[in-house]
PDB file of all heavy atoms in Angstrom:
ATOM      1  N   ARG A   1      81.432 -30.778 106.731  1.00  0.00           N
ATOM      2  CA  ARG A   1      82.717 -30.119 106.534  1.00  0.00           C
ATOM      3  C   ARG A   1      83.791 -31.017 107.137  1.00  0.00           C
ATOM      4  O   ARG A   1      83.726 -31.293 108.352  1.00  0.00           O
ATOM      5  CB  ARG A   1      82.723 -28.743 107.197  1.00  0.00           C
ATOM      6  CG  ARG A   1      81.925 -27.730 106.468  1.00  0.00           C
ATOM      7  CD  ARG A   1      82.128 -26.340 107.062  1.00  0.00           C
ATOM      8  NE  ARG A   1      81.292 -25.397 106.317  1.00  0.00           N
ATOM      9  CZ  ARG A   1      80.403 -24.577 106.889  1.00  0.00           C
ATOM     10  NH1 ARG A   1      80.319 -24.558 108.197  1.00  0.00           N
ATOM     11  NH2 ARG A   1      79.707 -23.783 106.155  1.00  0.00           N
ATOM     12  N   PHE A   2      84.693 -31.438 106.343  1.00  0.00           N
ATOM     13  CA  PHE A   2      85.695 -32.399 106.797  1.00  0.00           C
ATOM     14  C   PHE A   2      86.886 -31.610 107.479  1.00  0.00           C
ATOM     15  O   PHE A   2      87.445 -30.707 106.881  1.00  0.00           O
ATOM     16  CB  PHE A   2      86.261 -33.243 105.665  1.00  0.00           C
ATOM     17  CG  PHE A   2      85.246 -34.082 104.951  1.00  0.00           C
ATOM     18  CD1 PHE A   2      85.366 -34.401 103.612  1.00  0.00           C
ATOM     19  CD2 PHE A   2      84.143 -34.559 105.616  1.00  0.00           C
ATOM     20  CE1 PHE A   2      84.456 -35.246 102.984  1.00  0.00           C
ATOM     21  CE2 PHE A   2      83.227 -35.364 105.030  1.00  0.00           C
ATOM     22  CZ  PHE A   2      83.375 -35.744 103.671  1.00  0.00           C
ATOM     23  N   ARG A   3      87.176 -31.998 108.669  1.00  0.00           N
ATOM     24  CA  ARG A   3      88.312 -31.383 109.404  1.00  0.00           C
ATOM     25  C   ARG A   3      89.588 -32.157 109.143  1.00  0.00           C
ATOM     26  O   ARG A   3      90.666 -31.570 109.218  1.00  0.00           O
ATOM     27  CB  ARG A   3      88.017 -31.401 110.934  1.00  0.00           C
ATOM     28  CG  ARG A   3      86.870 -30.464 111.243  1.00  0.00           C
ATOM     29  CD  ARG A   3      86.680 -30.268 112.693  1.00  0.00           C
ATOM     30  NE  ARG A   3      85.720 -29.157 112.857  1.00  0.00           N
ATOM     31  CZ  ARG A   3      84.847 -29.111 113.830  1.00  0.00           C
ATOM     32  NH1 ARG A   3      84.792 -30.061 114.752  1.00  0.00           N
ATOM     33  NH2 ARG A   3      84.017 -28.057 113.941  1.00  0.00           N
ATOM     34  N   ARG A   4      89.486 -33.433 108.885  1.00  0.00           N
ATOM     35  CA  ARG A   4      90.585 -34.277 108.458  1.00  0.00           C
ATOM     36  C   ARG A   4      90.248 -34.887 107.123  1.00  0.00           C
ATOM     37  O   ARG A   4      89.686 -36.009 107.072  1.00  0.00           O
ATOM     38  CB  ARG A   4      90.921 -35.328 109.501  1.00  0.00           C
ATOM     39  CG  ARG A   4      91.248 -34.679 110.855  1.00  0.00           C
ATOM     40  CD  ARG A   4      91.900 -35.526 111.852  1.00  0.00           C
ATOM     41  NE  ARG A   4      92.961 -36.361 111.316  1.00  0.00           N
ATOM     42  CZ  ARG A   4      93.355 -37.531 111.831  1.00  0.00           C
ATOM     43  NH1 ARG A   4      92.765 -37.991 112.904  1.00  0.00           N
ATOM     44  NH2 ARG A   4      94.324 -38.214 111.316  1.00  0.00           N
ATOM     45  N   PRO A   5      90.414 -34.136 106.022  1.00  0.00           N
ATOM     46  CA  PRO A   5      89.822 -34.506 104.759  1.00  0.00           C
ATOM     47  C   PRO A   5      90.092 -35.940 104.279  1.00  0.00           C
ATOM     48  O   PRO A   5      89.142 -36.603 103.852  1.00  0.00           O
ATOM     49  CB  PRO A   5      90.433 -33.513 103.741  1.00  0.00           C
ATOM     50  CG  PRO A   5      90.751 -32.309 104.614  1.00  0.00           C
ATOM     51  CD  PRO A   5      91.163 -32.897 105.944  1.00  0.00           C
ATOM     52  N   GLY A   6      91.325 -36.452 104.390  1.00  0.00           N
ATOM     53  CA  GLY A   6      91.567 -37.780 103.902  1.00  0.00           C
ATOM     54  C   GLY A   6      90.817 -38.815 104.686  1.00  0.00           C
ATOM     55  O   GLY A   6      90.118 -39.701 104.122  1.00  0.00           O
ATOM     56  N   LEU A   7      90.944 -38.803 105.981  1.00  0.00           N
ATOM     57  CA  LEU A   7      90.293 -39.791 106.867  1.00  0.00           C
ATOM     58  C   LEU A   7      88.773 -39.612 106.792  1.00  0.00           C
ATOM     59  O   LEU A   7      88.029 -40.592 106.714  1.00  0.00           O
ATOM     60  CB  LEU A   7      90.807 -39.661 108.265  1.00  0.00           C
ATOM     61  CG  LEU A   7      90.232 -40.635 109.314  1.00  0.00           C
ATOM     62  CD1 LEU A   7      90.479 -42.060 108.907  1.00  0.00           C
ATOM     63  CD2 LEU A   7      90.866 -40.309 110.690  1.00  0.00           C
ATOM     64  N   SER A   8      88.294 -38.369 106.865  1.00  0.00           N
ATOM     65  CA  SER A   8      86.885 -38.084 106.808  1.00  0.00           C
ATOM     66  C   SER A   8      86.246 -38.635 105.559  1.00  0.00           C
ATOM     67  O   SER A   8      85.169 -39.263 105.560  1.00  0.00           O
ATOM     68  CB  SER A   8      86.629 -36.597 106.961  1.00  0.00           C
ATOM     69  OG  SER A   8      87.115 -36.119 108.193  1.00  0.00           O
ATOM     70  N   ARG A   9      86.891 -38.357 104.414  1.00  0.00           N
ATOM     71  CA  ARG A   9      86.357 -38.789 103.142  1.00  0.00           C
ATOM     72  C   ARG A   9      86.311 -40.332 103.042  1.00  0.00           C
ATOM     73  O   ARG A   9      85.341 -40.923 102.566  1.00  0.00           O
ATOM     74  CB  ARG A   9      87.216 -38.222 101.980  1.00  0.00           C
ATOM     75  CG  ARG A   9      86.563 -38.378 100.633  1.00  0.00           C
ATOM     76  CD  ARG A   9      87.327 -37.620  99.527  1.00  0.00           C
ATOM     77  NE  ARG A   9      87.718 -36.273  99.846  1.00  0.00           N
ATOM     78  CZ  ARG A   9      86.949 -35.185  99.874  1.00  0.00           C
ATOM     79  NH1 ARG A   9      85.658 -35.329  99.596  1.00  0.00           N
ATOM     80  NH2 ARG A   9      87.434 -34.036 100.161  1.00  0.00           N
ATOM     81  N   SER A  10      87.333 -40.980 103.585  1.00  0.00           N
ATOM     82  CA  SER A  10      87.372 -42.458 103.586  1.00  0.00           C
ATOM     83  C   SER A  10      86.205 -43.029 104.448  1.00  0.00           C
ATOM     84  O   SER A  10      85.538 -43.992 104.017  1.00  0.00           O
ATOM     85  CB  SER A  10      88.679 -42.972 104.149  1.00  0.00           C
ATOM     86  OG  SER A  10      89.702 -42.611 103.330  1.00  0.00           O
ATOM     87  N   ILE A  11      86.015 -42.445 105.601  1.00  0.00           N
ATOM     88  CA  ILE A  11      84.908 -42.913 106.470  1.00  0.00           C
ATOM     89  C   ILE A  11      83.571 -42.622 105.811  1.00  0.00           C
ATOM     90  O   ILE A  11      82.681 -43.506 105.828  1.00  0.00           O
ATOM     91  CB  ILE A  11      84.997 -42.248 107.857  1.00  0.00           C
ATOM     92  CG1 ILE A  11      86.261 -42.791 108.580  1.00  0.00           C
ATOM     93  CG2 ILE A  11      83.716 -42.443 108.683  1.00  0.00           C
ATOM     94  CD1 ILE A  11      86.561 -42.121 109.898  1.00  0.00           C
ATOM     95  N   TRP A  12      83.392 -41.422 105.222  1.00  0.00           N
ATOM     96  CA  TRP A  12      82.112 -41.105 104.631  1.00  0.00           C
ATOM     97  C   TRP A  12      81.857 -41.978 103.388  1.00  0.00           C
ATOM     98  O   TRP A  12      80.691 -42.259 103.052  1.00  0.00           O
ATOM     99  CB  TRP A  12      82.025 -39.610 104.281  1.00  0.00           C
ATOM    100  CG  TRP A  12      80.651 -39.277 103.833  1.00  0.00           C
ATOM    101  CD1 TRP A  12      80.197 -38.935 102.594  1.00  0.00           C
ATOM    102  CD2 TRP A  12      79.464 -39.331 104.681  1.00  0.00           C
ATOM    103  NE1 TRP A  12      78.839 -38.763 102.598  1.00  0.00           N
ATOM    104  CE2 TRP A  12      78.362 -38.940 103.868  1.00  0.00           C
ATOM    105  CE3 TRP A  12      79.252 -39.619 105.999  1.00  0.00           C
ATOM    106  CZ2 TRP A  12      77.052 -38.903 104.367  1.00  0.00           C
ATOM    107  CZ3 TRP A  12      77.930 -39.528 106.501  1.00  0.00           C
ATOM    108  CH2 TRP A  12      76.847 -39.165 105.661  1.00  0.00           C
ATOM    109  N   THR A  13      82.868 -42.437 102.732  1.00  0.00           N
ATOM    110  CA  THR A  13      82.711 -43.352 101.599  1.00  0.00           C
ATOM    111  C   THR A  13      82.022 -44.622 102.039  1.00  0.00           C
ATOM    112  O   THR A  13      81.199 -45.227 101.323  1.00  0.00           O
ATOM    113  CB  THR A  13      84.080 -43.676 100.967  1.00  0.00           C
ATOM    114  OG1 THR A  13      84.660 -42.495 100.428  1.00  0.00           O
ATOM    115  CG2 THR A  13      83.960 -44.702  99.819  1.00  0.00           C
ATOM    116  N   LEU A  14      82.251 -45.073 103.286  1.00  0.00           N
ATOM    117  CA  LEU A  14      81.595 -46.223 103.844  1.00  0.00           C
ATOM    118  C   LEU A  14      80.199 -45.879 104.413  1.00  0.00           C
ATOM    119  O   LEU A  14      79.291 -46.711 104.241  1.00  0.00           O
ATOM    120  CB  LEU A  14      82.484 -46.854 104.950  1.00  0.00           C
ATOM    121  CG  LEU A  14      83.844 -47.348 104.494  1.00  0.00           C
ATOM    122  CD1 LEU A  14      84.655 -47.761 105.721  1.00  0.00           C
ATOM    123  CD2 LEU A  14      83.732 -48.447 103.474  1.00  0.00           C
ATOM    124  N   VAL A  15      80.084 -44.796 105.114  1.00  0.00           N
ATOM    125  CA  VAL A  15      78.851 -44.480 105.798  1.00  0.00           C
ATOM    126  C   VAL A  15      77.851 -43.765 104.843  1.00  0.00           C
ATOM    127  O   VAL A  15      76.634 -43.937 104.989  1.00  0.00           O
ATOM    128  CB  VAL A  15      79.141 -43.522 107.026  1.00  0.00           C
ATOM    129  CG1 VAL A  15      77.859 -43.069 107.692  1.00  0.00           C
ATOM    130  CG2 VAL A  15      80.034 -44.250 108.016  1.00  0.00           C
ATOM    131  N   GLY A  16      78.341 -43.030 103.872  1.00  0.00           N
ATOM    132  CA  GLY A  16      77.448 -42.292 102.977  1.00  0.00           C
ATOM    133  C   GLY A  16      76.383 -43.092 102.328  1.00  0.00           C
ATOM    134  O   GLY A  16      75.164 -42.710 102.307  1.00  0.00           O
ATOM    135  N   PRO A  17      76.667 -44.267 101.782  1.00  0.00           N
ATOM    136  CA  PRO A  17      75.602 -45.071 101.141  1.00  0.00           C
ATOM    137  C   PRO A  17      74.489 -45.493 102.136  1.00  0.00           C
ATOM    138  O   PRO A  17      73.317 -45.556 101.811  1.00  0.00           O
ATOM    139  CB  PRO A  17      76.316 -46.302 100.609  1.00  0.00           C
ATOM    140  CG  PRO A  17      77.715 -45.832 100.400  1.00  0.00           C
ATOM    141  CD  PRO A  17      77.973 -44.829 101.489  1.00  0.00           C
ATOM    142  N   ILE A  18      74.902 -45.764 103.405  1.00  0.00           N
ATOM    143  CA  ILE A  18      73.894 -46.136 104.423  1.00  0.00           C
ATOM    144  C   ILE A  18      73.022 -44.903 104.662  1.00  0.00           C
ATOM    145  O   ILE A  18      71.777 -44.983 104.759  1.00  0.00           O
ATOM    146  CB  ILE A  18      74.600 -46.548 105.731  1.00  0.00           C
ATOM    147  CG1 ILE A  18      75.393 -47.847 105.426  1.00  0.00           C
ATOM    148  CG2 ILE A  18      73.573 -46.760 106.795  1.00  0.00           C
ATOM    149  CD1 ILE A  18      76.346 -48.175 106.548  1.00  0.00           C
ATOM    150  N   HIS A  19      73.660 -43.731 104.800  1.00  0.00           N
ATOM    151  CA  HIS A  19      72.885 -42.468 105.013  1.00  0.00           C
ATOM    152  C   HIS A  19      71.923 -42.231 103.885  1.00  0.00           C
ATOM    153  O   HIS A  19      70.779 -41.911 104.081  1.00  0.00           O
ATOM    154  CB  HIS A  19      73.906 -41.294 105.139  1.00  0.00           C
ATOM    155  CG  HIS A  19      73.259 -39.986 104.940  1.00  0.00           C
ATOM    156  ND1 HIS A  19      72.521 -39.356 105.914  1.00  0.00           N
ATOM    157  CD2 HIS A  19      73.253 -39.140 103.867  1.00  0.00           C
ATOM    158  CE1 HIS A  19      72.042 -38.190 105.450  1.00  0.00           C
ATOM    159  NE2 HIS A  19      72.489 -38.028 104.245  1.00  0.00           N
ATOM    160  N   ARG A  20      72.380 -42.360 102.618  1.00  0.00           N
ATOM    161  CA  ARG A  20      71.514 -42.081 101.506  1.00  0.00           C
ATOM    162  C   ARG A  20      70.386 -43.056 101.326  1.00  0.00           C
ATOM    163  O   ARG A  20      69.343 -42.776 100.713  1.00  0.00           O
ATOM    164  CB  ARG A  20      72.386 -41.988 100.183  1.00  0.00           C
ATOM    165  CG  ARG A  20      73.240 -40.763 100.129  1.00  0.00           C
ATOM    166  CD  ARG A  20      74.003 -40.609  98.856  1.00  0.00           C
ATOM    167  NE  ARG A  20      75.008 -41.622  98.671  1.00  0.00           N
ATOM    168  CZ  ARG A  20      76.232 -41.575  99.141  1.00  0.00           C
ATOM    169  NH1 ARG A  20      76.633 -40.565  99.893  1.00  0.00           N
ATOM    170  NH2 ARG A  20      77.114 -42.543  98.905  1.00  0.00           N
ATOM    171  N   LEU A  21      70.526 -44.255 101.910  1.00  0.00           N
ATOM    172  CA  LEU A  21      69.458 -45.238 101.935  1.00  0.00           C
ATOM    173  C   LEU A  21      68.498 -44.940 103.071  1.00  0.00           C
ATOM    174  O   LEU A  21      67.281 -44.945 102.952  1.00  0.00           O
ATOM    175  CB  LEU A  21      70.063 -46.619 102.034  1.00  0.00           C
ATOM    176  CG  LEU A  21      69.069 -47.800 102.025  1.00  0.00           C
ATOM    177  CD1 LEU A  21      68.361 -47.896 100.666  1.00  0.00           C
ATOM    178  CD2 LEU A  21      69.800 -49.067 102.373  1.00  0.00           C
ATOM    179  N   ALA A  22      69.051 -44.726 104.286  1.00  0.00           N
ATOM    180  CA  ALA A  22      68.234 -44.600 105.510  1.00  0.00           C
ATOM    181  C   ALA A  22      67.561 -43.255 105.690  1.00  0.00           C
ATOM    182  O   ALA A  22      66.368 -43.214 106.102  1.00  0.00           O
ATOM    183  CB  ALA A  22      69.089 -44.876 106.704  1.00  0.00           C
ATOM    184  N   ALA A  23      68.248 -42.158 105.396  1.00  0.00           N
ATOM    185  CA  ALA A  23      67.672 -40.836 105.671  1.00  0.00           C
ATOM    186  C   ALA A  23      66.322 -40.588 105.009  1.00  0.00           C
ATOM    187  O   ALA A  23      65.406 -40.174 105.666  1.00  0.00           O
ATOM    188  CB  ALA A  23      68.691 -39.741 105.261  1.00  0.00           C
ATOM    189  N   PRO A  24      66.185 -40.842 103.680  1.00  0.00           N
ATOM    190  CA  PRO A  24      64.866 -40.597 103.116  1.00  0.00           C
ATOM    191  C   PRO A  24      63.769 -41.485 103.715  1.00  0.00           C
ATOM    192  O   PRO A  24      62.639 -41.035 103.846  1.00  0.00           O
ATOM    193  CB  PRO A  24      65.077 -40.843 101.610  1.00  0.00           C
ATOM    194  CG  PRO A  24      66.470 -41.095 101.384  1.00  0.00           C
ATOM    195  CD  PRO A  24      67.158 -41.214 102.708  1.00  0.00           C
ATOM    196  N   ARG A  25      64.137 -42.715 104.020  1.00  0.00           N
ATOM    197  CA  ARG A  25      63.120 -43.642 104.625  1.00  0.00           C
ATOM    198  C   ARG A  25      62.712 -43.194 105.995  1.00  0.00           C
ATOM    199  O   ARG A  25      61.555 -43.257 106.341  1.00  0.00           O
ATOM    200  CB  ARG A  25      63.685 -45.054 104.637  1.00  0.00           C
ATOM    201  CG  ARG A  25      63.678 -45.694 103.252  1.00  0.00           C
ATOM    202  CD  ARG A  25      64.403 -47.001 103.216  1.00  0.00           C
ATOM    203  NE  ARG A  25      64.291 -47.637 101.938  1.00  0.00           N
ATOM    204  CZ  ARG A  25      65.013 -47.304 100.837  1.00  0.00           C
ATOM    205  NH1 ARG A  25      65.834 -46.280 100.891  1.00  0.00           N
ATOM    206  NH2 ARG A  25      64.834 -47.932  99.713  1.00  0.00           N
ATOM    207  N   LEU A  26      63.669 -42.800 106.822  1.00  0.00           N
ATOM    208  CA  LEU A  26      63.319 -42.322 108.144  1.00  0.00           C
ATOM    209  C   LEU A  26      62.481 -41.058 108.082  1.00  0.00           C
ATOM    210  O   LEU A  26      61.543 -40.877 108.880  1.00  0.00           O
ATOM    211  CB  LEU A  26      64.624 -42.058 108.969  1.00  0.00           C
ATOM    212  CG  LEU A  26      65.442 -43.253 109.362  1.00  0.00           C
ATOM    213  CD1 LEU A  26      66.753 -42.843 109.964  1.00  0.00           C
ATOM    214  CD2 LEU A  26      64.677 -44.156 110.308  1.00  0.00           C
ATOM    215  N   MET A  27      62.815 -40.138 107.179  1.00  0.00           N
ATOM    216  CA  MET A  27      62.084 -38.932 106.995  1.00  0.00           C
ATOM    217  C   MET A  27      60.669 -39.195 106.545  1.00  0.00           C
ATOM    218  O   MET A  27      59.675 -38.637 107.025  1.00  0.00           O
ATOM    219  CB  MET A  27      62.766 -37.994 106.011  1.00  0.00           C
ATOM    220  CG  MET A  27      62.256 -36.603 106.046  1.00  0.00           C
ATOM    221  SD  MET A  27      63.305 -35.411 105.155  1.00  0.00           S
ATOM    222  CE  MET A  27      62.849 -35.773 103.488  1.00  0.00           C
ATOM    223  N   GLU A  28      60.521 -40.106 105.572  1.00  0.00           N
ATOM    224  CA  GLU A  28      59.172 -40.436 105.112  1.00  0.00           C
ATOM    225  C   GLU A  28      58.345 -41.048 106.175  1.00  0.00           C
ATOM    226  O   GLU A  28      57.136 -40.713 106.402  1.00  0.00           O
ATOM    227  CB  GLU A  28      59.276 -41.416 103.933  1.00  0.00           C
ATOM    228  CG  GLU A  28      57.993 -42.002 103.474  1.00  0.00           C
ATOM    229  CD  GLU A  28      57.049 -41.066 102.784  1.00  0.00           C
ATOM    230  OE1 GLU A  28      57.488 -40.112 102.157  1.00  0.00           O
ATOM    231  OE2 GLU A  28      55.805 -41.224 102.918  1.00  0.00           O
ATOM    232  N   ARG A  29      58.890 -41.970 106.937  1.00  0.00           N
ATOM    233  CA  ARG A  29      58.206 -42.649 108.022  1.00  0.00           C
ATOM    234  C   ARG A  29      57.746 -41.611 109.067  1.00  0.00           C
ATOM    235  O   ARG A  29      56.587 -41.639 109.516  1.00  0.00           O
ATOM    236  CB  ARG A  29      59.132 -43.653 108.658  1.00  0.00           C
ATOM    237  CG  ARG A  29      58.551 -44.533 109.726  1.00  0.00           C
ATOM    238  CD  ARG A  29      59.622 -45.573 110.083  1.00  0.00           C
ATOM    239  NE  ARG A  29      59.025 -46.606 110.972  1.00  0.00           N
ATOM    240  CZ  ARG A  29      58.984 -46.453 112.271  1.00  0.00           C
ATOM    241  NH1 ARG A  29      59.545 -45.385 112.856  1.00  0.00           N
ATOM    242  NH2 ARG A  29      58.465 -47.368 113.045  1.00  0.00           N
ATOM    243  N   ALA A  30      58.623 -40.714 109.439  1.00  0.00           N
ATOM    244  CA  ALA A  30      58.281 -39.680 110.397  1.00  0.00           C
ATOM    245  C   ALA A  30      57.241 -38.726 109.887  1.00  0.00           C
ATOM    246  O   ALA A  30      56.316 -38.320 110.608  1.00  0.00           O
ATOM    247  CB  ALA A  30      59.551 -38.938 110.825  1.00  0.00           C
ATOM    248  N   ALA A  31      57.353 -38.332 108.662  1.00  0.00           N
ATOM    249  CA  ALA A  31      56.386 -37.356 108.045  1.00  0.00           C
ATOM    250  C   ALA A  31      54.983 -37.972 108.005  1.00  0.00           C
ATOM    251  O   ALA A  31      53.962 -37.266 108.137  1.00  0.00           O
ATOM    252  CB  ALA A  31      56.824 -36.947 106.641  1.00  0.00           C
ATOM    253  N   ARG A  32      54.890 -39.292 107.791  1.00  0.00           N
ATOM    254  CA  ARG A  32      53.605 -39.934 107.760  1.00  0.00           C
ATOM    255  C   ARG A  32      53.028 -40.206 109.159  1.00  0.00           C
ATOM    256  O   ARG A  32      51.918 -40.639 109.295  1.00  0.00           O
ATOM    257  CB  ARG A  32      53.696 -41.339 107.088  1.00  0.00           C
ATOM    258  CG  ARG A  32      53.863 -41.249 105.580  1.00  0.00           C
ATOM    259  CD  ARG A  32      53.901 -42.633 104.992  1.00  0.00           C
ATOM    260  NE  ARG A  32      55.015 -43.349 105.676  1.00  0.00           N
ATOM    261  CZ  ARG A  32      55.106 -44.644 105.656  1.00  0.00           C
ATOM    262  NH1 ARG A  32      54.309 -45.415 105.042  1.00  0.00           N
ATOM    263  NH2 ARG A  32      56.150 -45.215 106.288  1.00  0.00           N
ATOM    264  N   GLY A  33      53.893 -39.912 110.167  1.00  0.00           N
ATOM    265  CA  GLY A  33      53.413 -40.100 111.520  1.00  0.00           C
ATOM    266  C   GLY A  33      53.499 -41.498 112.015  1.00  0.00           C
ATOM    267  O   GLY A  33      52.906 -41.881 113.032  1.00  0.00           O
ATOM    268  N   VAL A  34      54.331 -42.329 111.355  1.00  0.00           N
ATOM    269  CA  VAL A  34      54.518 -43.719 111.767  1.00  0.00           C
ATOM    270  C   VAL A  34      55.449 -43.813 112.965  1.00  0.00           C
ATOM    271  O   VAL A  34      55.240 -44.671 113.829  1.00  0.00           O
ATOM    272  CB  VAL A  34      55.106 -44.568 110.610  1.00  0.00           C
ATOM    273  CG1 VAL A  34      55.438 -45.979 111.068  1.00  0.00           C
ATOM    274  CG2 VAL A  34      54.108 -44.549 109.448  1.00  0.00           C
ATOM    275  N   ALA A  35      56.370 -42.922 113.070  1.00  0.00           N
ATOM    276  CA  ALA A  35      57.336 -43.013 114.143  1.00  0.00           C
ATOM    277  C   ALA A  35      56.727 -42.680 115.489  1.00  0.00           C
ATOM    278  O   ALA A  35      55.774 -41.967 115.568  1.00  0.00           O
ATOM    279  CB  ALA A  35      58.535 -42.029 113.893  1.00  0.00           C
TER     280      ALA A  35
END
């Protein structure tokens, strides 16, 4: 939930792709018990 929509959206535009790449990989690794 963006509290400062313009700035938040701009920042998420940069961070979002990293999140969408990393989150599933971290979850998969942890679920397999690798972490």
